[in-house]
Amino acid sequence: MVSLQPSRIHNVRHKPATHQLATINTVSHASKFNLGAVTIGGPALFLIAGPCVLESETHARTLADAIQRITSDLAIPYIFKASYDKANRTSIHSFRGPGLTEGARILRAIAKDNALPILTDIHTPQQATELSDALGDIDALLQIPAFLCRQTDLLIAAAQTGHAINIKKGQFVAPPDMKHAIQKVIDSGNIRVSLTERGASFGYNNLVVDMRSLPTMRAFAPVIFDATHSVQTPSAANGVSGGQPEFIPTLARAAVAAGIDGIFLEVHDDPAHAKSDGANALHLNHLKPLLETLLALHAAAKS
């Protein structure tokens, strides 16, 4: 394993240097890297959690504070997540978020005030540059949404911001094929990259998780399991996505036992009234007992 330090590479937005690519291509795809105090791909199980979308600054701060108290009690490394824009909502009438400028301000404030790394989505190459500039020097994991995981220009632009990159596996992509998405990021000058499993399309309005995908993708990069989107029933609730949150613990336990590096959970204090993905969110009250179980399983799996 190679210990990698965070770096900003704004100077390679257009084309990475040839000698740099030659060095990067010799690095193991599964190398661990640091995001603030969190080691992605290290021995400790880490958590990515927060609301699906930034509903308001007050709400985001309340959830960040509450989740951080739980993770501090359990000594689990924590990355706060929330989207500033949900660009792939089923209906044009659905809430999308505050937008890039205001969303980046909120995320930057939480990162600074809580001393937390953050994760948020990008959808276009232009957003990659704009968001990177707006976030500044905070520790951020830029996420490529599952529907966009093969978009070459987006992957290149994200890589060249210098921020760490998390690529969600498309619901339509075979796990071994995610090595090509990883290679696009690496060949664009960035070796801080992870993969997230979030289920595969299984007929209409349904997803299924093939646990074989986790060790398969772990050969290319650190692997995270999204236990909340994996129980989603896409577009199945009259213009919005439904879900089966009762299966979140089952899938999360199985994934941790299979040897993942991190767990991804959309967490809300009132899922029934969440502005996005409430049907598949984990209630805040259920977070601590679930994490306690997952940490015990992780310790057993590593022993």
Foldseek 3Di string as FASTA:
>chain_A
DDEDEFDFQLVLLPHDDPVLLVVLVVDQLADWYDQQPDIFNDLAAAEEEEAAAPPDLVQRLVRLVLVVVLCVVVVHAYAYEHEQFDPDALDPPADTHPDQQVVLVSQLVCCVVVVHEYEYEDAALVSLVVNLVSSDPHRYEYEYDQVCLPPLSNLLSNLNRSHAYEYEHHLDDDLLVSLVSSVSSSSSNHSRYEYEYQFHDDPAQAGDDDLVSQVSNSSRYAYEYELQSNQWRQCPPPRGIAGDQVCSLVVLLVNLLSPHRYYYFYEHCCLVPRSHSSRRHHYSVCPNVSVVSSSVSNVVSVD
